[in-house]
C-alpha atoms as a PDB file:
ATOM      1  CA  MET A   1      21.093 -17.095 -39.018  1.00  0.00           C
ATOM      2  CA  SER A   2      20.252 -17.494 -35.233  1.00  0.00           C
ATOM      3  CA  ILE A   3      23.653 -16.485 -34.126  1.00  0.00           C
ATOM      4  CA  GLU A   4      23.233 -12.972 -35.613  1.00  0.00           C
ATOM      5  CA  LYS A   5      19.803 -12.817 -33.929  1.00  0.00           C
ATOM      6  CA  GLY A   6      21.342 -13.692 -30.679  1.00  0.00           C
ATOM      7  CA  LYS A   7      24.264 -11.688 -31.014  1.00  0.00           C
ATOM      8  CA  ALA A   8      22.376  -8.407 -31.963  1.00  0.00           C
ATOM      9  CA  TYR A   9      20.157  -9.051 -29.020  1.00  0.00           C
ATOM     10  CA  LEU A  10      23.095  -8.951 -26.720  1.00  0.00           C
ATOM     11  CA  SER A  11      24.532  -6.310 -28.232  1.00  0.00           C
ATOM     12  CA  ALA A  12      21.842  -3.830 -27.771  1.00  0.00           C
ATOM     13  CA  PHE A  13      22.902  -4.467 -24.042  1.00  0.00           C
ATOM     14  CA  GLY A  14      26.517  -3.956 -24.489  1.00  0.00           C
ATOM     15  CA  LEU A  15      27.248  -7.713 -24.038  1.00  0.00           C
ATOM     16  CA  ALA A  16      28.894  -8.599 -27.596  1.00  0.00           C
ATOM     17  CA  ASP A  17      32.228  -8.827 -26.317  1.00  0.00           C
ATOM     18  CA  ARG A  18      31.202 -11.505 -23.700  1.00  0.00           C
ATOM     19  CA  ILE A  19      29.887 -13.851 -26.427  1.00  0.00           C
ATOM     20  CA  ARG A  20      32.263 -16.752 -27.340  1.00  0.00           C
ATOM     21  CA  GLU A  21      32.386 -18.620 -30.605  1.00  0.00           C
ATOM     22  CA  PHE A  22      33.772 -22.390 -30.592  1.00  0.00           C
ATOM     23  CA  ASP A  23      35.563 -24.212 -33.484  1.00  0.00           C
ATOM     24  CA  VAL A  24      33.807 -27.405 -32.149  1.00  0.00           C
ATOM     25  CA  SER A  25      30.094 -27.969 -31.092  1.00  0.00           C
ATOM     26  CA  SER A  26      28.352 -26.826 -28.012  1.00  0.00           C
ATOM     27  CA  ALA A  27      25.127 -28.250 -28.837  1.00  0.00           C
ATOM     28  CA  THR A  28      24.753 -30.453 -25.828  1.00  0.00           C
ATOM     29  CA  VAL A  29      25.459 -29.800 -22.017  1.00  0.00           C
ATOM     30  CA  GLU A  30      28.371 -32.398 -22.468  1.00  0.00           C
ATOM     31  CA  LEU A  31      29.662 -30.714 -25.494  1.00  0.00           C
ATOM     32  CA  ALA A  32      29.242 -27.224 -24.299  1.00  0.00           C
ATOM     33  CA  ALA A  33      30.940 -27.862 -21.180  1.00  0.00           C
ATOM     34  CA  LYS A  34      33.843 -29.345 -22.683  1.00  0.00           C
ATOM     35  CA  ALA A  35      34.403 -26.010 -25.071  1.00  0.00           C
ATOM     36  CA  LEU A  36      34.232 -24.086 -22.081  1.00  0.00           C
ATOM     37  CA  GLY A  37      36.154 -26.274 -19.607  1.00  0.00           C
ATOM     38  CA  VAL A  38      33.705 -25.733 -16.904  1.00  0.00           C
ATOM     39  CA  GLU A  39      31.198 -28.568 -15.206  1.00  0.00           C
ATOM     40  CA  GLY A  40      28.204 -29.572 -16.964  1.00  0.00           C
ATOM     41  CA  CYS A  41      25.826 -28.235 -14.323  1.00  0.00           C
ATOM     42  CA  ARG A  42      26.882 -24.672 -15.154  1.00  0.00           C
ATOM     43  CA  ILE A  43      25.637 -24.956 -18.825  1.00  0.00           C
ATOM     44  CA  ALA A  44      22.363 -23.052 -18.709  1.00  0.00           C
ATOM     45  CA  LYS A  45      20.235 -25.536 -21.072  1.00  0.00           C
ATOM     46  CA  THR A  46      17.204 -24.189 -22.795  1.00  0.00           C
ATOM     47  CA  LEU A  47      13.986 -26.318 -22.922  1.00  0.00           C
ATOM     48  CA  SER A  48      11.213 -25.529 -25.122  1.00  0.00           C
ATOM     49  CA  PHE A  49       7.635 -26.522 -24.791  1.00  0.00           C
ATOM     50  CA  LYS A  50       4.192 -26.435 -25.898  1.00  0.00           C
ATOM     51  CA  LEU A  51       1.843 -24.281 -23.450  1.00  0.00           C
ATOM     52  CA  GLY A  52      -1.490 -23.996 -25.042  1.00  0.00           C
ATOM     53  CA  ASP A  53      -1.454 -22.515 -28.524  1.00  0.00           C
ATOM     54  CA  SER A  54       2.218 -20.927 -27.800  1.00  0.00           C
ATOM     55  CA  ALA A  55       5.512 -22.162 -26.657  1.00  0.00           C
ATOM     56  CA  ILE A  56       7.650 -21.217 -23.550  1.00  0.00           C
ATOM     57  CA  LEU A  57      11.282 -21.525 -22.868  1.00  0.00           C
ATOM     58  CA  ILE A  58      12.432 -23.021 -19.627  1.00  0.00           C
ATOM     59  CA  LEU A  59      16.148 -22.235 -18.520  1.00  0.00           C
ATOM     60  CA  ALA A  60      17.808 -25.238 -16.163  1.00  0.00           C
ATOM     61  CA  ALA A  61      21.217 -26.306 -14.977  1.00  0.00           C
ATOM     62  CA  GLY A  62      22.811 -28.542 -17.120  1.00  0.00           C
ATOM     63  CA  ASP A  63      22.407 -31.495 -14.435  1.00  0.00           C
ATOM     64  CA  ALA A  64      18.606 -30.582 -14.045  1.00  0.00           C
ATOM     65  CA  ARG A  65      15.786 -32.687 -15.490  1.00  0.00           C
ATOM     66  CA  ILE A  66      12.143 -31.734 -15.715  1.00  0.00           C
ATOM     67  CA  ASP A  67       9.925 -33.288 -13.136  1.00  0.00           C
ATOM     68  CA  ASN A  68       6.565 -33.775 -14.434  1.00  0.00           C
ATOM     69  CA  LYS A  69       4.568 -33.335 -11.347  1.00  0.00           C
ATOM     70  CA  LYS A  70       5.972 -29.952 -10.845  1.00  0.00           C
ATOM     71  CA  PHE A  71       5.659 -28.798 -14.217  1.00  0.00           C
ATOM     72  CA  LYS A  72       1.852 -29.794 -14.185  1.00  0.00           C
ATOM     73  CA  GLU A  73       1.610 -28.031 -10.835  1.00  0.00           C
ATOM     74  CA  THR A  74       3.218 -25.049 -11.964  1.00  0.00           C
ATOM     75  CA  PHE A  75       1.792 -24.641 -15.651  1.00  0.00           C
ATOM     76  CA  ASN A  76      -1.577 -26.467 -15.038  1.00  0.00           C
ATOM     77  CA  THR A  77      -0.787 -29.096 -17.969  1.00  0.00           C
ATOM     78  CA  LYS A  78       1.643 -32.060 -18.558  1.00  0.00           C
ATOM     79  CA  ALA A  79       5.003 -31.228 -19.782  1.00  0.00           C
ATOM     80  CA  LYS A  80       5.301 -31.383 -23.669  1.00  0.00           C
ATOM     81  CA  MET A  81       8.632 -30.509 -25.254  1.00  0.00           C
ATOM     82  CA  LEU A  82       8.274 -29.255 -28.983  1.00  0.00           C
ATOM     83  CA  ALA A  83       8.857 -31.514 -31.635  1.00  0.00           C
ATOM     84  CA  PRO A  84      12.319 -31.195 -33.391  1.00  0.00           C
ATOM     85  CA  ASP A  85      10.888 -29.722 -36.530  1.00  0.00           C
ATOM     86  CA  GLU A  86       8.580 -27.072 -34.478  1.00  0.00           C
ATOM     87  CA  VAL A  87      11.572 -25.704 -32.531  1.00  0.00           C
ATOM     88  CA  GLU A  88      13.133 -23.169 -35.046  1.00  0.00           C
ATOM     89  CA  THR A  89       9.899 -22.159 -36.555  1.00  0.00           C
ATOM     90  CA  LEU A  90       8.219 -21.407 -33.085  1.00  0.00           C
ATOM     91  CA  ILE A  91      11.255 -20.344 -31.016  1.00  0.00           C
ATOM     92  CA  GLY A  92      13.524 -18.781 -33.845  1.00  0.00           C
ATOM     93  CA  HIS A  93      16.608 -20.888 -33.122  1.00  0.00           C
ATOM     94  CA  ALA A  94      17.624 -24.726 -33.925  1.00  0.00           C
ATOM     95  CA  ILE A  95      18.104 -27.130 -31.606  1.00  0.00           C
ATOM     96  CA  GLY A  96      21.613 -27.110 -30.192  1.00  0.00           C
ATOM     97  CA  GLY A  97      21.465 -23.196 -30.067  1.00  0.00           C
ATOM     98  CA  VAL A  98      18.082 -22.405 -28.420  1.00  0.00           C
ATOM     99  CA  CYS A  99      18.670 -19.590 -25.874  1.00  0.00           C
ATOM    100  CA  PRO A 100      16.318 -16.538 -24.368  1.00  0.00           C
ATOM    101  CA  PHE A 101      18.164 -14.101 -26.847  1.00  0.00           C
ATOM    102  CA  GLY A 102      16.882 -12.911 -30.280  1.00  0.00           C
ATOM    103  CA  ILE A 103      13.644 -15.146 -29.930  1.00  0.00           C
ATOM    104  CA  ASN A 104      10.297 -14.867 -31.981  1.00  0.00           C
ATOM    105  CA  ASP A 105       7.898 -12.535 -29.980  1.00  0.00           C
ATOM    106  CA  GLY A 106       5.240 -13.853 -27.683  1.00  0.00           C
ATOM    107  CA  ILE A 107       7.658 -16.624 -26.226  1.00  0.00           C
ATOM    108  CA  LYS A 108       7.860 -16.628 -22.848  1.00  0.00           C
ATOM    109  CA  THR A 109      11.178 -17.400 -20.870  1.00  0.00           C
ATOM    110  CA  TYR A 110      11.307 -18.855 -17.349  1.00  0.00           C
ATOM    111  CA  LEU A 111      14.079 -19.770 -15.256  1.00  0.00           C
ATOM    112  CA  ASP A 112      14.506 -22.499 -13.162  1.00  0.00           C
ATOM    113  CA  ALA A 113      15.552 -22.516  -9.491  1.00  0.00           C
ATOM    114  CA  SER A 114      18.196 -25.230 -10.426  1.00  0.00           C
ATOM    115  CA  LEU A 115      20.293 -22.235 -11.467  1.00  0.00           C
ATOM    116  CA  LYS A 116      20.248 -20.264  -8.277  1.00  0.00           C
ATOM    117  CA  ARG A 117      23.303 -22.269  -6.614  1.00  0.00           C
ATOM    118  CA  PHE A 118      25.675 -20.709  -9.180  1.00  0.00           C
ATOM    119  CA  ASP A 119      27.091 -17.338  -9.546  1.00  0.00           C
ATOM    120  CA  THR A 120      27.392 -17.457 -13.157  1.00  0.00           C
ATOM    121  CA  VAL A 121      25.887 -19.983 -16.072  1.00  0.00           C
ATOM    122  CA  PHE A 122      26.697 -20.208 -19.562  1.00  0.00           C
ATOM    123  CA  PRO A 123      23.538 -20.333 -21.834  1.00  0.00           C
ATOM    124  CA  ALA A 124      23.886 -20.445 -25.750  1.00  0.00           C
ATOM    125  CA  VAL A 125      23.660 -17.624 -28.111  1.00  0.00           C
ATOM    126  CA  GLY A 126      21.463 -19.136 -31.277  1.00  0.00           C
ATOM    127  CA  SER A 127      23.971 -21.385 -32.423  1.00  0.00           C
ATOM    128  CA  SER A 128      25.457 -24.840 -31.750  1.00  0.00           C
ATOM    129  CA  ASN A 129      28.818 -23.749 -31.409  1.00  0.00           C
ATOM    130  CA  SER A 130      28.168 -20.227 -29.076  1.00  0.00           C
ATOM    131  CA  ALA A 131      27.754 -19.415 -25.387  1.00  0.00           C
ATOM    132  CA  VAL A 132      27.892 -16.243 -23.075  1.00  0.00           C
ATOM    133  CA  GLU A 133      28.748 -16.196 -19.544  1.00  0.00           C
ATOM    134  CA  LEU A 134      26.219 -14.240 -17.238  1.00  0.00           C
ATOM    135  CA  SER A 135      25.790 -13.846 -13.630  1.00  0.00           C
ATOM    136  CA  ILE A 136      22.169 -14.985 -12.477  1.00  0.00           C
ATOM    137  CA  ASP A 137      20.769 -11.653 -12.121  1.00  0.00           C
ATOM    138  CA  GLU A 138      22.113 -10.897 -15.605  1.00  0.00           C
ATOM    139  CA  LEU A 139      20.521 -13.858 -17.249  1.00  0.00           C
ATOM    140  CA  GLU A 140      17.072 -12.789 -15.297  1.00  0.00           C
ATOM    141  CA  LYS A 141      17.689  -9.171 -16.672  1.00  0.00           C
ATOM    142  CA  TYR A 142      18.420 -10.105 -20.472  1.00  0.00           C
ATOM    143  CA  SER A 143      16.406 -13.070 -20.751  1.00  0.00           C
ATOM    144  CA  GLN A 144      13.910 -11.812 -23.596  1.00  0.00           C
ATOM    145  CA  ASN A 145      10.399 -11.740 -22.510  1.00  0.00           C
ATOM    146  CA  PHE A 146      11.357 -12.953 -18.835  1.00  0.00           C
ATOM    147  CA  SER A 147       8.285 -14.309 -17.145  1.00  0.00           C
ATOM    148  CA  GLY A 148       9.366 -15.533 -13.630  1.00  0.00           C
ATOM    149  CA  TRP A 149      11.407 -17.786 -11.822  1.00  0.00           C
ATOM    150  CA  VAL A 150       9.797 -21.509 -11.563  1.00  0.00           C
ATOM    151  CA  ASP A 151      10.960 -24.909  -9.511  1.00  0.00           C
ATOM    152  CA  VAL A 152      10.097 -27.341 -12.190  1.00  0.00           C
ATOM    153  CA  CYS A 153      13.301 -29.638 -12.200  1.00  0.00           C
ATOM    154  CA  LYS A 154      14.906 -32.125 -10.141  1.00  0.00           C
ATOM    155  CA  LEU A 155      18.874 -32.893  -9.972  1.00  0.00           C
END
C-alpha cells in the first residue's frame, strides 16, 4: 500500500507523528484543502511527467498551473504528464496520493517556486486521504531524490 511506503519513508526522519489521515478524500487540491481547513493554494500538489525514458515529479502550489513555455525552457522538452495508468507503476503511488515520499528508485523530484511564498505546505503521503504539514525547508530536505528548485508554473 502506498500510504505505508510514504509513512515508512517519513518515519525514518522522525516525522510519523505529523502525518494526518482523513475519513474523507483528499485526492484533489479542493478536497485536501477542505479536509485540512486551509486555503487550496497551500496544498503541495505533486505532478508527474515523462522526461525521456523516465518520469519526474514536480511539487507546486495548489493554485499553480504548469506553464508549457517555462517547462520546455527548463527541461528541453514539451511537458507531457504521465497517463493515469502509468502513474502508480512508474512513481509508486496512485493518482490522488502521489507524493515525494517512498517513491520508486530513479524518480527525480523538483520543487516549483510557487511554493516559496508559504511558510508551510501540505503534500500527500501516498494515499488519497493523507497529508503532512512541512515547512518549505523540510519539504526540500525530505523530498526523496530532491533534484532542485524550478520555475515552471504560473499562478
